[in-house]
Every structure is written in structure tokens, then in C-alpha cells.
Amino acid sequence: MWRLTKMTPRLFAVAVVGLMLVISSAPADAQSLNELRASGAIGEAFDGFARARGASMQGKVDDINAQRRAIYKQRATAQGVSASQVGRVYAQQIFNNSPAGTWFLGESGSWTRK
């Protein structure tokens, strides 16, 4: 389902470490996010950003994406790649680590459920 292209092994490793730092730095928030993913209230997308699946979740999604955007930008600067490339690497990790029931928005615009 998810394909990564033009990613160096080093960029991938840095992205994985960064994602683990984000998750471990706020375990209660990560747990809450997983619950929201499993319920279908929040989905994930091919670009590494969360999507609200209902208007009531937009504020939460905006907060999540602001944190992710900062991390992606930092990693991109360190690796000399674009933030969108970093986001795609994170998207793969998010997909792999998300709970059953999580909705994923593909690049084609179609939603699928894990």
C-alpha cells in the first residue's frame, strides 16, 4: 500500500528515531491519538499528516500536524531533503504502528481502513 522512493537508509533511520521520540515524549497524548485512530475519528494520510474525519476533531488534528510539521522540517534540514519526503517516511511508520481500525488516505484520495 505505501511505497517510499528516493529515501536514503539514513533518512529512514532518522525518521524512525524521531517518530519514537515524539511518541515517547507524550505517552498519554499518543494513547489518546491511538484511541481516536481506532475509533475512526482521526485518520492518517500518505503525506505523514493526520486528517480529521469529523469537524469536532479538527482542533486536535491541527495540534498534531503542527508538531509533526516542526519535526519534519527539522529532519529535512538536517538531511538536506524536503519536508514532504520526511513526511512520507513518517507516514510509513505511522501506518506500521497504528492500531486496527485506523483510516488511511492514499495519494489517490481514497480512504482504506487497517
PDB file of N, CA and C in Angstrom:
ATOM      1  N   MET A   1       0.815  -1.190   0.000  1.00  0.00           N
ATOM      2  CA  MET A   1       0.000   0.000   0.000  1.00  0.00           C
ATOM      3  C   MET A   1       0.859   1.255   0.000  1.00  0.00           C
ATOM      4  N   TRP A   2       1.833   1.332   0.877  1.00  0.00           N
ATOM      5  CA  TRP A   2       2.671   2.525   0.996  1.00  0.00           C
ATOM      6  C   TRP A   2       4.010   2.241   0.354  1.00  0.00           C
ATOM      7  N   ARG A   3       4.428   3.115  -0.537  1.00  0.00           N
ATOM      8  CA  ARG A   3       5.719   2.945  -1.177  1.00  0.00           C
ATOM      9  C   ARG A   3       6.546   4.194  -0.962  1.00  0.00           C
ATOM     10  N   LEU A   4       7.781   3.988  -0.620  1.00  0.00           N
ATOM     11  CA  LEU A   4       8.706   5.097  -0.427  1.00  0.00           C
ATOM     12  C   LEU A   4       9.736   5.055  -1.529  1.00  0.00           C
ATOM     13  N   THR A   5       9.995   6.200  -2.102  1.00  0.00           N
ATOM     14  CA  THR A   5      11.004   6.274  -3.149  1.00  0.00           C
ATOM     15  C   THR A   5      11.993   7.368  -2.817  1.00  0.00           C
ATOM     16  N   LYS A   6      13.201   7.187  -3.297  1.00  0.00           N
ATOM     17  CA  LYS A   6      14.254   8.186  -3.151  1.00  0.00           C
ATOM     18  C   LYS A   6      14.554   8.531  -1.693  1.00  0.00           C
ATOM     19  N   MET A   7      14.410   7.577  -0.803  1.00  0.00           N
ATOM     20  CA  MET A   7      14.739   7.788   0.604  1.00  0.00           C
ATOM     21  C   MET A   7      16.039   7.056   0.900  1.00  0.00           C
ATOM     22  N   THR A   8      16.954   7.747   1.519  1.00  0.00           N
ATOM     23  CA  THR A   8      18.197   7.108   1.895  1.00  0.00           C
ATOM     24  C   THR A   8      17.974   6.297   3.160  1.00  0.00           C
ATOM     25  N   PRO A   9      18.742   5.252   3.363  1.00  0.00           N
ATOM     26  CA  PRO A   9      18.606   4.488   4.603  1.00  0.00           C
ATOM     27  C   PRO A   9      18.833   5.370   5.837  1.00  0.00           C
ATOM     28  N   ARG A  10      19.733   6.321   5.732  1.00  0.00           N
ATOM     29  CA  ARG A  10      19.998   7.223   6.856  1.00  0.00           C
ATOM     30  C   ARG A  10      18.774   8.085   7.158  1.00  0.00           C
ATOM     31  N   LEU A  11      18.122   8.628   6.131  1.00  0.00           N
ATOM     32  CA  LEU A  11      16.922   9.431   6.336  1.00  0.00           C
ATOM     33  C   LEU A  11      15.830   8.588   6.981  1.00  0.00           C
ATOM     34  N   PHE A  12      15.684   7.380   6.525  1.00  0.00           N
ATOM     35  CA  PHE A  12      14.680   6.488   7.094  1.00  0.00           C
ATOM     36  C   PHE A  12      14.975   6.235   8.574  1.00  0.00           C
ATOM     37  N   ALA A  13      16.221   5.967   8.915  1.00  0.00           N
ATOM     38  CA  ALA A  13      16.600   5.712  10.307  1.00  0.00           C
ATOM     39  C   ALA A  13      16.359   6.941  11.175  1.00  0.00           C
ATOM     40  N   VAL A  14      16.700   8.106  10.670  1.00  0.00           N
ATOM     41  CA  VAL A  14      16.481   9.343  11.416  1.00  0.00           C
ATOM     42  C   VAL A  14      14.989   9.559  11.639  1.00  0.00           C
ATOM     43  N   ALA A  15      14.195   9.286  10.631  1.00  0.00           N
ATOM     44  CA  ALA A  15      12.745   9.456  10.755  1.00  0.00           C
ATOM     45  C   ALA A  15      12.166   8.510  11.798  1.00  0.00           C
ATOM     46  N   VAL A  16      12.622   7.279  11.808  1.00  0.00           N
ATOM     47  CA  VAL A  16      12.126   6.309  12.786  1.00  0.00           C
ATOM     48  C   VAL A  16      12.474   6.759  14.201  1.00  0.00           C
ATOM     49  N   VAL A  17      13.700   7.182  14.406  1.00  0.00           N
ATOM     50  CA  VAL A  17      14.112   7.655  15.733  1.00  0.00           C
ATOM     51  C   VAL A  17      13.281   8.870  16.139  1.00  0.00           C
ATOM     52  N   GLY A  18      13.086   9.786  15.226  1.00  0.00           N
ATOM     53  CA  GLY A  18      12.288  10.975  15.521  1.00  0.00           C
ATOM     54  C   GLY A  18      10.860  10.630  15.889  1.00  0.00           C
ATOM     55  N   LEU A  19      10.263   9.711  15.172  1.00  0.00           N
ATOM     56  CA  LEU A  19       8.897   9.295  15.476  1.00  0.00           C
ATOM     57  C   LEU A  19       8.826   8.660  16.851  1.00  0.00           C
ATOM     58  N   MET A  20       9.786   7.851  17.182  1.00  0.00           N
ATOM     59  CA  MET A  20       9.794   7.224  18.508  1.00  0.00           C
ATOM     60  C   MET A  20       9.940   8.279  19.604  1.00  0.00           C
ATOM     61  N   LEU A  21      10.740   9.308  19.363  1.00  0.00           N
ATOM     62  CA  LEU A  21      10.887  10.384  20.341  1.00  0.00           C
ATOM     63  C   LEU A  21       9.565  11.115  20.546  1.00  0.00           C
ATOM     64  N   VAL A  22       8.861  11.373  19.477  1.00  0.00           N
ATOM     65  CA  VAL A  22       7.570  12.062  19.587  1.00  0.00           C
ATOM     66  C   VAL A  22       6.588  11.218  20.375  1.00  0.00           C
ATOM     67  N   ILE A  23       6.522   9.955  20.070  1.00  0.00           N
ATOM     68  CA  ILE A  23       5.583   9.070  20.756  1.00  0.00           C
ATOM     69  C   ILE A  23       5.956   8.907  22.217  1.00  0.00           C
ATOM     70  N   SER A  24       7.238   8.742  22.505  1.00  0.00           N
ATOM     71  CA  SER A  24       7.642   8.507  23.891  1.00  0.00           C
ATOM     72  C   SER A  24       7.616   9.774  24.736  1.00  0.00           C
ATOM     73  N   SER A  25       7.687  10.941  24.110  1.00  0.00           N
ATOM     74  CA  SER A  25       7.702  12.178  24.884  1.00  0.00           C
ATOM     75  C   SER A  25       6.331  12.562  25.413  1.00  0.00           C
ATOM     76  N   ALA A  26       5.274  11.990  24.854  1.00  0.00           N
ATOM     77  CA  ALA A  26       3.918  12.311  25.305  1.00  0.00           C
ATOM     78  C   ALA A  26       3.055  11.055  25.290  1.00  0.00           C
ATOM     79  N   PRO A  27       3.337  10.096  26.186  1.00  0.00           N
ATOM     80  CA  PRO A  27       2.626   8.827  26.115  1.00  0.00           C
ATOM     81  C   PRO A  27       1.122   8.949  26.275  1.00  0.00           C
ATOM     82  N   ALA A  28       0.639   9.845  27.112  1.00  0.00           N
ATOM     83  CA  ALA A  28      -0.808   9.984  27.275  1.00  0.00           C
ATOM     84  C   ALA A  28      -1.429  10.501  25.986  1.00  0.00           C
ATOM     85  N   ASP A  29      -0.765  11.467  25.349  1.00  0.00           N
ATOM     86  CA  ASP A  29      -1.270  12.012  24.110  1.00  0.00           C
ATOM     87  C   ASP A  29      -1.237  10.965  23.002  1.00  0.00           C
ATOM     88  N   ALA A  30      -0.172  10.172  22.942  1.00  0.00           N
ATOM     89  CA  ALA A  30      -0.076   9.123  21.938  1.00  0.00           C
ATOM     90  C   ALA A  30      -1.176   8.094  22.143  1.00  0.00           C
ATOM     91  N   GLN A  31      -1.450   7.745  23.380  1.00  0.00           N
ATOM     92  CA  GLN A  31      -2.507   6.787  23.657  1.00  0.00           C
ATOM     93  C   GLN A  31      -3.846   7.355  23.205  1.00  0.00           C
ATOM     94  N   SER A  32      -4.091   8.602  23.501  1.00  0.00           N
ATOM     95  CA  SER A  32      -5.313   9.257  23.089  1.00  0.00           C
ATOM     96  C   SER A  32      -5.427   9.266  21.567  1.00  0.00           C
ATOM     97  N   LEU A  33      -4.341   9.553  20.886  1.00  0.00           N
ATOM     98  CA  LEU A  33      -4.335   9.555  19.434  1.00  0.00           C
ATOM     99  C   LEU A  33      -4.662   8.169  18.905  1.00  0.00           C
ATOM    100  N   ASN A  34      -4.070   7.142  19.484  1.00  0.00           N
ATOM    101  CA  ASN A  34      -4.374   5.781  19.040  1.00  0.00           C
ATOM    102  C   ASN A  34      -5.842   5.427  19.249  1.00  0.00           C
ATOM    103  N   GLU A  35      -6.413   5.885  20.342  1.00  0.00           N
ATOM    104  CA  GLU A  35      -7.839   5.640  20.582  1.00  0.00           C
ATOM    105  C   GLU A  35      -8.681   6.350  19.526  1.00  0.00           C
ATOM    106  N   LEU A  36      -8.303   7.572  19.204  1.00  0.00           N
ATOM    107  CA  LEU A  36      -9.035   8.322  18.184  1.00  0.00           C
ATOM    108  C   LEU A  36      -8.869   7.701  16.802  1.00  0.00           C
ATOM    109  N   ARG A  37      -7.688   7.176  16.522  1.00  0.00           N
ATOM    110  CA  ARG A  37      -7.466   6.471  15.257  1.00  0.00           C
ATOM    111  C   ARG A  37      -8.338   5.222  15.184  1.00  0.00           C
ATOM    112  N   ALA A  38      -8.296   4.427  16.256  1.00  0.00           N
ATOM    113  CA  ALA A  38      -9.049   3.169  16.270  1.00  0.00           C
ATOM    114  C   ALA A  38     -10.551   3.412  16.140  1.00  0.00           C
ATOM    115  N   SER A  39     -11.021   4.518  16.688  1.00  0.00           N
ATOM    116  CA  SER A  39     -12.448   4.828  16.607  1.00  0.00           C
ATOM    117  C   SER A  39     -12.846   5.354  15.234  1.00  0.00           C
ATOM    118  N   GLY A  40     -11.855   5.768  14.434  1.00  0.00           N
ATOM    119  CA  GLY A  40     -12.147   6.329  13.123  1.00  0.00           C
ATOM    120  C   GLY A  40     -12.344   7.831  13.136  1.00  0.00           C
ATOM    121  N   ALA A  41     -12.211   8.473  14.286  1.00  0.00           N
ATOM    122  CA  ALA A  41     -12.410   9.916  14.388  1.00  0.00           C
ATOM    123  C   ALA A  41     -11.279  10.691  13.705  1.00  0.00           C
ATOM    124  N   ILE A  42     -10.076  10.130  13.744  1.00  0.00           N
ATOM    125  CA  ILE A  42      -8.913  10.723  13.102  1.00  0.00           C
ATOM    126  C   ILE A  42      -8.294   9.685  12.183  1.00  0.00           C
ATOM    127  N   GLY A  43      -7.951  10.116  10.981  1.00  0.00           N
ATOM    128  CA  GLY A  43      -7.276   9.250  10.028  1.00  0.00           C
ATOM    129  C   GLY A  43      -5.861   9.741   9.789  1.00  0.00           C
ATOM    130  N   GLU A  44      -5.115   8.964   9.045  1.00  0.00           N
ATOM    131  CA  GLU A  44      -3.743   9.309   8.681  1.00  0.00           C
ATOM    132  C   GLU A  44      -3.650   9.335   7.165  1.00  0.00           C
ATOM    133  N   ALA A  45      -2.665  10.060   6.658  1.00  0.00           N
ATOM    134  CA  ALA A  45      -2.535  10.205   5.213  1.00  0.00           C
ATOM    135  C   ALA A  45      -1.134   9.860   4.729  1.00  0.00           C
ATOM    136  N   PHE A  46      -1.044   9.671   3.433  1.00  0.00           N
ATOM    137  CA  PHE A  46       0.188   9.292   2.752  1.00  0.00           C
ATOM    138  C   PHE A  46       1.317  10.287   2.958  1.00  0.00           C
ATOM    139  N   ASP A  47       0.976  11.516   3.337  1.00  0.00           N
ATOM    140  CA  ASP A  47       1.982  12.569   3.484  1.00  0.00           C
ATOM    141  C   ASP A  47       2.516  12.712   4.905  1.00  0.00           C
ATOM    142  N   GLY A  48       2.045  11.854   5.818  1.00  0.00           N
ATOM    143  CA  GLY A  48       2.533  11.892   7.192  1.00  0.00           C
ATOM    144  C   GLY A  48       1.747  12.816   8.101  1.00  0.00           C
ATOM    145  N   PHE A  49       0.652  13.337   7.603  1.00  0.00           N
ATOM    146  CA  PHE A  49      -0.182  14.217   8.413  1.00  0.00           C
ATOM    147  C   PHE A  49      -1.516  13.555   8.727  1.00  0.00           C
ATOM    148  N   ALA A  50      -2.052  13.897   9.890  1.00  0.00           N
ATOM    149  CA  ALA A  50      -3.341  13.380  10.321  1.00  0.00           C
ATOM    150  C   ALA A  50      -4.454  14.136   9.598  1.00  0.00           C
ATOM    151  N   ARG A  51      -5.604  13.495   9.517  1.00  0.00           N
ATOM    152  CA  ARG A  51      -6.789  14.116   8.925  1.00  0.00           C
ATOM    153  C   ARG A  51      -7.966  13.919   9.869  1.00  0.00           C
ATOM    154  N   ALA A  52      -8.737  14.963  10.064  1.00  0.00           N
ATOM    155  CA  ALA A  52      -9.959  14.862  10.858  1.00  0.00           C
ATOM    156  C   ALA A  52     -11.020  14.184  10.000  1.00  0.00           C
ATOM    157  N   ARG A  53     -11.703  13.229  10.588  1.00  0.00           N
ATOM    158  CA  ARG A  53     -12.785  12.562   9.861  1.00  0.00           C
ATOM    159  C   ARG A  53     -14.134  13.080  10.348  1.00  0.00           C
ATOM    160  N   GLY A  54     -14.092  14.138  11.102  1.00  0.00           N
ATOM    161  CA  GLY A  54     -15.280  14.833  11.576  1.00  0.00           C
ATOM    162  C   GLY A  54     -14.859  16.205  12.065  1.00  0.00           C
ATOM    163  N   ALA A  55     -15.744  17.173  11.954  1.00  0.00           N
ATOM    164  CA  ALA A  55     -15.403  18.558  12.303  1.00  0.00           C
ATOM    165  C   ALA A  55     -14.946  18.706  13.751  1.00  0.00           C
ATOM    166  N   SER A  56     -15.441  17.882  14.641  1.00  0.00           N
ATOM    167  CA  SER A  56     -15.096  18.018  16.065  1.00  0.00           C
ATOM    168  C   SER A  56     -13.636  17.681  16.353  1.00  0.00           C
ATOM    169  N   MET A  57     -12.970  17.019  15.455  1.00  0.00           N
ATOM    170  CA  MET A  57     -11.576  16.618  15.664  1.00  0.00           C
ATOM    171  C   MET A  57     -10.572  17.558  15.020  1.00  0.00           C
ATOM    172  N   GLN A  58     -11.034  18.578  14.324  1.00  0.00           N
ATOM    173  CA  GLN A  58     -10.117  19.431  13.570  1.00  0.00           C
ATOM    174  C   GLN A  58      -9.086  20.116  14.458  1.00  0.00           C
ATOM    175  N   GLY A  59      -9.476  20.593  15.625  1.00  0.00           N
ATOM    176  CA  GLY A  59      -8.529  21.244  16.530  1.00  0.00           C
ATOM    177  C   GLY A  59      -7.425  20.299  16.978  1.00  0.00           C
ATOM    178  N   LYS A  60      -7.794  19.075  17.329  1.00  0.00           N
ATOM    179  CA  LYS A  60      -6.823  18.057  17.738  1.00  0.00           C
ATOM    180  C   LYS A  60      -5.861  17.757  16.587  1.00  0.00           C
ATOM    181  N   VAL A  61      -6.413  17.601  15.393  1.00  0.00           N
ATOM    182  CA  VAL A  61      -5.598  17.303  14.216  1.00  0.00           C
ATOM    183  C   VAL A  61      -4.653  18.466  13.912  1.00  0.00           C
ATOM    184  N   ASP A  62      -5.126  19.684  14.046  1.00  0.00           N
ATOM    185  CA  ASP A  62      -4.263  20.848  13.815  1.00  0.00           C
ATOM    186  C   ASP A  62      -3.070  20.842  14.768  1.00  0.00           C
ATOM    187  N   ASP A  63      -3.307  20.496  16.036  1.00  0.00           N
ATOM    188  CA  ASP A  63      -2.219  20.420  17.020  1.00  0.00           C
ATOM    189  C   ASP A  63      -1.224  19.321  16.662  1.00  0.00           C
ATOM    190  N   ILE A  64      -1.735  18.162  16.313  1.00  0.00           N
ATOM    191  CA  ILE A  64      -0.882  17.025  15.931  1.00  0.00           C
ATOM    192  C   ILE A  64      -0.022  17.407  14.728  1.00  0.00           C
ATOM    193  N   ASN A  65      -0.660  17.984  13.719  1.00  0.00           N
ATOM    194  CA  ASN A  65       0.064  18.314  12.496  1.00  0.00           C
ATOM    195  C   ASN A  65       1.077  19.437  12.694  1.00  0.00           C
ATOM    196  N   ALA A  66       0.819  20.352  13.599  1.00  0.00           N
ATOM    197  CA  ALA A  66       1.796  21.404  13.892  1.00  0.00           C
ATOM    198  C   ALA A  66       3.062  20.787  14.480  1.00  0.00           C
ATOM    199  N   GLN A  67       2.894  19.821  15.371  1.00  0.00           N
ATOM    200  CA  GLN A  67       4.054  19.141  15.953  1.00  0.00           C
ATOM    201  C   GLN A  67       4.805  18.355  14.884  1.00  0.00           C
ATOM    202  N   ARG A  68       4.063  17.650  14.064  1.00  0.00           N
ATOM    203  CA  ARG A  68       4.696  16.864  13.003  1.00  0.00           C
ATOM    204  C   ARG A  68       5.417  17.764  12.012  1.00  0.00           C
ATOM    205  N   ARG A  69       4.790  18.860  11.619  1.00  0.00           N
ATOM    206  CA  ARG A  69       5.391  19.781  10.656  1.00  0.00           C
ATOM    207  C   ARG A  69       6.745  20.279  11.162  1.00  0.00           C
ATOM    208  N   ALA A  70       6.824  20.600  12.437  1.00  0.00           N
ATOM    209  CA  ALA A  70       8.083  21.077  13.024  1.00  0.00           C
ATOM    210  C   ALA A  70       9.151  19.988  12.976  1.00  0.00           C
ATOM    211  N   ILE A  71       8.763  18.769  13.289  1.00  0.00           N
ATOM    212  CA  ILE A  71       9.712  17.649  13.253  1.00  0.00           C
ATOM    213  C   ILE A  71      10.164  17.373  11.828  1.00  0.00           C
ATOM    214  N   TYR A  72       9.231  17.339  10.894  1.00  0.00           N
ATOM    215  CA  TYR A  72       9.578  17.067   9.501  1.00  0.00           C
ATOM    216  C   TYR A  72      10.536  18.138   8.965  1.00  0.00           C
ATOM    217  N   LYS A  73      10.274  19.372   9.305  1.00  0.00           N
ATOM    218  CA  LYS A  73      11.133  20.465   8.841  1.00  0.00           C
ATOM    219  C   LYS A  73      12.541  20.331   9.426  1.00  0.00           C
ATOM    220  N   GLN A  74      12.609  20.017  10.718  1.00  0.00           N
ATOM    221  CA  GLN A  74      13.907  19.846  11.371  1.00  0.00           C
ATOM    222  C   GLN A  74      14.684  18.693  10.732  1.00  0.00           C
ATOM    223  N   ARG A  75      14.029  17.580  10.529  1.00  0.00           N
ATOM    224  CA  ARG A  75      14.692  16.416   9.924  1.00  0.00           C
ATOM    225  C   ARG A  75      15.112  16.711   8.490  1.00  0.00           C
ATOM    226  N   ALA A  76      14.258  17.396   7.768  1.00  0.00           N
ATOM    227  CA  ALA A  76      14.561  17.727   6.375  1.00  0.00           C
ATOM    228  C   ALA A  76      15.804  18.607   6.285  1.00  0.00           C
ATOM    229  N   THR A  77      15.885  19.592   7.146  1.00  0.00           N
ATOM    230  CA  THR A  77      17.046  20.480   7.166  1.00  0.00           C
ATOM    231  C   THR A  77      18.312  19.700   7.486  1.00  0.00           C
ATOM    232  N   ALA A  78      18.222  18.815   8.462  1.00  0.00           N
ATOM    233  CA  ALA A  78      19.390  18.024   8.861  1.00  0.00           C
ATOM    234  C   ALA A  78      19.849  17.076   7.755  1.00  0.00           C
ATOM    235  N   GLN A  79      18.910  16.582   6.948  1.00  0.00           N
ATOM    236  CA  GLN A  79      19.245  15.601   5.920  1.00  0.00           C
ATOM    237  C   GLN A  79      19.415  16.194   4.527  1.00  0.00           C
ATOM    238  N   GLY A  80      19.055  17.453   4.368  1.00  0.00           N
ATOM    239  CA  GLY A  80      19.168  18.076   3.054  1.00  0.00           C
ATOM    240  C   GLY A  80      18.137  17.568   2.067  1.00  0.00           C
ATOM    241  N   VAL A  81      16.952  17.240   2.561  1.00  0.00           N
ATOM    242  CA  VAL A  81      15.853  16.776   1.720  1.00  0.00           C
ATOM    243  C   VAL A  81      14.637  17.657   2.013  1.00  0.00           C
ATOM    244  N   SER A  82      13.564  17.401   1.303  1.00  0.00           N
ATOM    245  CA  SER A  82      12.355  18.195   1.532  1.00  0.00           C
ATOM    246  C   SER A  82      11.564  17.656   2.721  1.00  0.00           C
ATOM    247  N   ALA A  83      10.801  18.533   3.346  1.00  0.00           N
ATOM    248  CA  ALA A  83       9.932  18.120   4.452  1.00  0.00           C
ATOM    249  C   ALA A  83       8.888  17.126   3.977  1.00  0.00           C
ATOM    250  N   SER A  84       8.456  17.236   2.732  1.00  0.00           N
ATOM    251  CA  SER A  84       7.464  16.282   2.219  1.00  0.00           C
ATOM    252  C   SER A  84       8.061  14.877   2.109  1.00  0.00           C
ATOM    253  N   GLN A  85       9.340  14.770   1.772  1.00  0.00           N
ATOM    254  CA  GLN A  85       9.984  13.453   1.747  1.00  0.00           C
ATOM    255  C   GLN A  85      10.020  12.850   3.149  1.00  0.00           C
ATOM    256  N   VAL A  86      10.356  13.659   4.123  1.00  0.00           N
ATOM    257  CA  VAL A  86      10.397  13.194   5.505  1.00  0.00           C
ATOM    258  C   VAL A  86       8.997  12.753   5.935  1.00  0.00           C
ATOM    259  N   GLY A  87       7.982  13.533   5.592  1.00  0.00           N
ATOM    260  CA  GLY A  87       6.608  13.178   5.936  1.00  0.00           C
ATOM    261  C   GLY A  87       6.196  11.839   5.380  1.00  0.00           C
ATOM    262  N   ARG A  88       6.631  11.536   4.185  1.00  0.00           N
ATOM    263  CA  ARG A  88       6.288  10.239   3.575  1.00  0.00           C
ATOM    264  C   ARG A  88       6.964   9.081   4.310  1.00  0.00           C
ATOM    265  N   VAL A  89       8.168   9.302   4.786  1.00  0.00           N
ATOM    266  CA  VAL A  89       8.841   8.268   5.572  1.00  0.00           C
ATOM    267  C   VAL A  89       8.084   8.053   6.884  1.00  0.00           C
ATOM    268  N   TYR A  90       7.722   9.136   7.523  1.00  0.00           N
ATOM    269  CA  TYR A  90       6.944   9.034   8.760  1.00  0.00           C
ATOM    270  C   TYR A  90       5.601   8.366   8.501  1.00  0.00           C
ATOM    271  N   ALA A  91       4.984   8.646   7.378  1.00  0.00           N
ATOM    272  CA  ALA A  91       3.687   8.045   7.051  1.00  0.00           C
ATOM    273  C   ALA A  91       3.780   6.525   7.076  1.00  0.00           C
ATOM    274  N   GLN A  92       4.871   5.992   6.571  1.00  0.00           N
ATOM    275  CA  GLN A  92       5.053   4.533   6.587  1.00  0.00           C
ATOM    276  C   GLN A  92       5.131   4.018   8.017  1.00  0.00           C
ATOM    277  N   GLN A  93       5.867   4.713   8.872  1.00  0.00           N
ATOM    278  CA  GLN A  93       5.979   4.296  10.265  1.00  0.00           C
ATOM    279  C   GLN A  93       4.649   4.440  11.003  1.00  0.00           C
ATOM    280  N   ILE A  94       3.939   5.504  10.720  1.00  0.00           N
ATOM    281  CA  ILE A  94       2.627   5.693  11.333  1.00  0.00           C
ATOM    282  C   ILE A  94       1.708   4.554  10.933  1.00  0.00           C
ATOM    283  N   PHE A  95       1.717   4.203   9.663  1.00  0.00           N
ATOM    284  CA  PHE A  95       0.905   3.083   9.183  1.00  0.00           C
ATOM    285  C   PHE A  95       1.274   1.795   9.915  1.00  0.00           C
ATOM    286  N   ASN A  96       2.555   1.515  10.000  1.00  0.00           N
ATOM    287  CA  ASN A  96       3.014   0.281  10.641  1.00  0.00           C
ATOM    288  C   ASN A  96       2.643   0.203  12.118  1.00  0.00           C
ATOM    289  N   ASN A  97       2.644   1.342  12.799  1.00  0.00           N
ATOM    290  CA  ASN A  97       2.428   1.361  14.247  1.00  0.00           C
ATOM    291  C   ASN A  97       1.011   1.726  14.677  1.00  0.00           C
ATOM    292  N   SER A  98       0.148   1.989  13.748  1.00  0.00           N
ATOM    293  CA  SER A  98      -1.215   2.407  14.104  1.00  0.00           C
ATOM    294  C   SER A  98      -2.074   1.203  14.463  1.00  0.00           C
ATOM    295  N   PRO A  99      -3.095   1.425  15.281  1.00  0.00           N
ATOM    296  CA  PRO A  99      -3.965   0.322  15.685  1.00  0.00           C
ATOM    297  C   PRO A  99      -4.929  -0.082  14.572  1.00  0.00           C
ATOM    298  N   ALA A 100      -5.466  -1.278  14.707  1.00  0.00           N
ATOM    299  CA  ALA A 100      -6.506  -1.737  13.788  1.00  0.00           C
ATOM    300  C   ALA A 100      -7.656  -0.744  13.840  1.00  0.00           C
ATOM    301  N   GLY A 101      -8.274  -0.528  12.711  1.00  0.00           N
ATOM    302  CA  GLY A 101      -9.391   0.403  12.631  1.00  0.00           C
ATOM    303  C   GLY A 101      -9.000   1.780  12.149  1.00  0.00           C
ATOM    304  N   THR A 102      -7.680   2.052  12.058  1.00  0.00           N
ATOM    305  CA  THR A 102      -7.214   3.354  11.603  1.00  0.00           C
ATOM    306  C   THR A 102      -7.527   3.527  10.120  1.00  0.00           C
ATOM    307  N   TRP A 103      -8.034   4.692   9.774  1.00  0.00           N
ATOM    308  CA  TRP A 103      -8.302   5.045   8.382  1.00  0.00           C
ATOM    309  C   TRP A 103      -7.070   5.697   7.781  1.00  0.00           C
ATOM    310  N   PHE A 104      -6.769   5.337   6.524  1.00  0.00           N
ATOM    311  CA  PHE A 104      -5.633   5.894   5.804  1.00  0.00           C
ATOM    312  C   PHE A 104      -6.086   6.473   4.476  1.00  0.00           C
ATOM    313  N   LEU A 105      -5.655   7.704   4.241  1.00  0.00           N
ATOM    314  CA  LEU A 105      -5.951   8.389   2.991  1.00  0.00           C
ATOM    315  C   LEU A 105      -4.776   8.191   2.051  1.00  0.00           C
ATOM    316  N   GLY A 106      -5.035   7.522   0.941  1.00  0.00           N
ATOM    317  CA  GLY A 106      -3.992   7.298  -0.050  1.00  0.00           C
ATOM    318  C   GLY A 106      -3.799   8.504  -0.941  1.00  0.00           C
ATOM    319  N   GLU A 107      -2.742   8.492  -1.697  1.00  0.00           N
ATOM    320  CA  GLU A 107      -2.433   9.598  -2.588  1.00  0.00           C
ATOM    321  C   GLU A 107      -3.526   9.807  -3.641  1.00  0.00           C
ATOM    322  N   SER A 108      -4.261   8.753  -3.943  1.00  0.00           N
ATOM    323  CA  SER A 108      -5.347   8.836  -4.918  1.00  0.00           C
ATOM    324  C   SER A 108      -6.593   9.528  -4.370  1.00  0.00           C
ATOM    325  N   GLY A 109      -6.615   9.737  -3.046  1.00  0.00           N
ATOM    326  CA  GLY A 109      -7.780  10.358  -2.429  1.00  0.00           C
ATOM    327  C   GLY A 109      -8.766   9.363  -1.837  1.00  0.00           C
ATOM    328  N   SER A 110      -8.428   8.088  -1.923  1.00  0.00           N
ATOM    329  CA  SER A 110      -9.302   7.041  -1.392  1.00  0.00           C
ATOM    330  C   SER A 110      -8.915   6.681   0.030  1.00  0.00           C
ATOM    331  N   TRP A 111      -9.918   6.476   0.874  1.00  0.00           N
ATOM    332  CA  TRP A 111      -9.710   6.035   2.249  1.00  0.00           C
ATOM    333  C   TRP A 111      -9.788   4.519   2.312  1.00  0.00           C
ATOM    334  N   THR A 112      -8.875   3.912   3.094  1.00  0.00           N
ATOM    335  CA  THR A 112      -8.931   2.496   3.396  1.00  0.00           C
ATOM    336  C   THR A 112      -8.753   2.334   4.886  1.00  0.00           C
ATOM    337  N   ARG A 113      -9.256   1.237   5.412  1.00  0.00           N
ATOM    338  CA  ARG A 113      -9.175   1.009   6.844  1.00  0.00           C
ATOM    339  C   ARG A 113      -8.238  -0.158   7.138  1.00  0.00           C
ATOM    340  N   LYS A 114      -7.392   0.025   8.114  1.00  0.00           N
ATOM    341  CA  LYS A 114      -6.443  -1.005   8.524  1.00  0.00           C
ATOM    342  C   LYS A 114      -7.157  -2.035   9.373  1.00  0.00           C
TER     343      LYS A 114
END
